[in-house]
Amino acid sequence: MDKASFQLFCLLGIVIMTALQVFDLVWGSHTMMHFLQEWAAIDALWLGLAALAVFHRNTPTGPVSSLFPARHSVHHIAHK
């Protein structure tokens, strides 16, 4: 999975979770506190994934370097 695919995955996840939360808030039959407790962990997960997608570029020492392998520069490839 390249970086763009991962960012798209995170964006779609956030959009889908937001839609589900709005649906649950409007048509759900529970209190606001229960609603917030119910969705807090899922929100944290998707926001964490989004932060990972945005802030960790293709660095060889980054924690997601296995997801996004570093690309070789044109200059480096030309000298092989």
Protein backbone atom coordinates (compact mmCIF):
# COMPACT_ATOMS: atom_id res chain seq x y z
CA MET A 1 0.00 0.00 0.00
CA ASP A 2 1.53 3.31 -1.00
CA LYS A 3 1.13 6.58 0.88
CA ALA A 4 -1.67 7.93 -1.32
CA SER A 5 -3.72 4.73 -0.89
CA PHE A 6 -3.20 4.84 2.87
CA GLN A 7 -4.30 8.49 3.02
CA LEU A 8 -7.38 7.69 0.93
CA PHE A 9 -8.16 4.76 3.25
CA CYS A 10 -7.94 7.09 6.26
CA LEU A 11 -10.04 9.78 4.61
CA LEU A 12 -12.77 7.32 3.62
CA GLY A 13 -12.73 5.83 7.11
CA ILE A 14 -13.22 9.23 8.68
CA VAL A 15 -16.05 10.11 6.28
CA ILE A 16 -17.83 6.79 6.88
CA MET A 17 -17.42 7.00 10.66
CA THR A 18 -18.72 10.58 10.65
CA ALA A 19 -21.78 9.52 8.65
CA LEU A 20 -22.45 6.65 11.05
CA GLN A 21 -22.07 8.95 14.05
CA VAL A 22 -24.47 11.54 12.62
CA PHE A 23 -26.99 8.79 11.85
CA ASP A 24 -26.59 7.38 15.37
CA LEU A 25 -26.88 10.82 16.97
CA VAL A 26 -30.03 11.76 15.06
CA TRP A 27 -31.88 8.43 15.25
CA GLY A 28 -30.25 6.81 18.28
CA SER A 29 -32.08 6.50 21.58
CA HIS A 30 -29.38 7.25 24.12
CA THR A 31 -28.01 10.22 26.04
CA MET A 32 -25.30 12.53 24.74
CA MET A 33 -22.81 11.18 27.31
CA HIS A 34 -23.44 7.60 26.18
CA PHE A 35 -23.07 8.67 22.56
CA LEU A 36 -19.71 10.34 23.27
CA GLN A 37 -18.42 7.32 25.21
CA GLU A 38 -19.57 4.96 22.49
CA TRP A 39 -17.73 6.75 19.68
CA ALA A 40 -14.64 8.14 21.45
CA ALA A 41 -12.42 5.09 20.89
CA ILE A 42 -13.33 4.79 17.22
CA ASP A 43 -12.72 8.51 16.70
CA ALA A 44 -9.33 8.23 18.36
CA LEU A 45 -8.40 5.30 16.11
CA TRP A 46 -9.27 7.09 12.87
CA LEU A 47 -7.72 10.39 13.94
CA GLY A 48 -4.55 8.50 14.87
CA LEU A 49 -4.46 6.80 11.48
CA ALA A 50 -5.02 10.13 9.76
CA ALA A 51 -2.18 11.70 11.73
CA LEU A 52 0.04 8.78 10.78
CA ALA A 53 -0.84 9.24 7.11
CA VAL A 54 -0.19 12.97 7.15
CA PHE A 55 2.87 13.38 9.35
CA HIS A 56 4.99 10.32 8.59
CA ARG A 57 6.46 10.80 5.15
CA ASN A 58 8.66 8.32 3.32
CA THR A 59 11.47 8.43 5.83
CA PRO A 60 13.59 5.32 6.29
CA THR A 61 13.46 5.73 10.08
CA GLY A 62 9.73 6.47 10.34
CA PRO A 63 7.48 3.90 12.01
CA VAL A 64 5.56 3.32 8.80
CA SER A 65 8.54 2.90 6.49
CA SER A 66 7.46 -0.67 5.78
CA LEU A 67 4.10 0.64 4.52
CA PHE A 68 5.71 3.32 2.39
CA PRO A 69 9.05 2.07 1.04
CA ALA A 70 11.49 4.86 0.24
CA ARG A 71 11.71 5.64 -3.44
CA HIS A 72 15.11 5.87 -5.04
CA SER A 73 15.99 9.17 -6.60
CA VAL A 74 16.52 9.38 -10.34
CA HIS A 75 20.12 10.43 -9.70
CA HIS A 76 20.76 7.32 -7.59
CA ILE A 77 19.20 4.96 -10.14
CA ALA A 78 21.16 6.49 -13.03
CA HIS A 79 24.46 5.59 -11.36
CA LYS A 80 23.69 1.90 -10.95
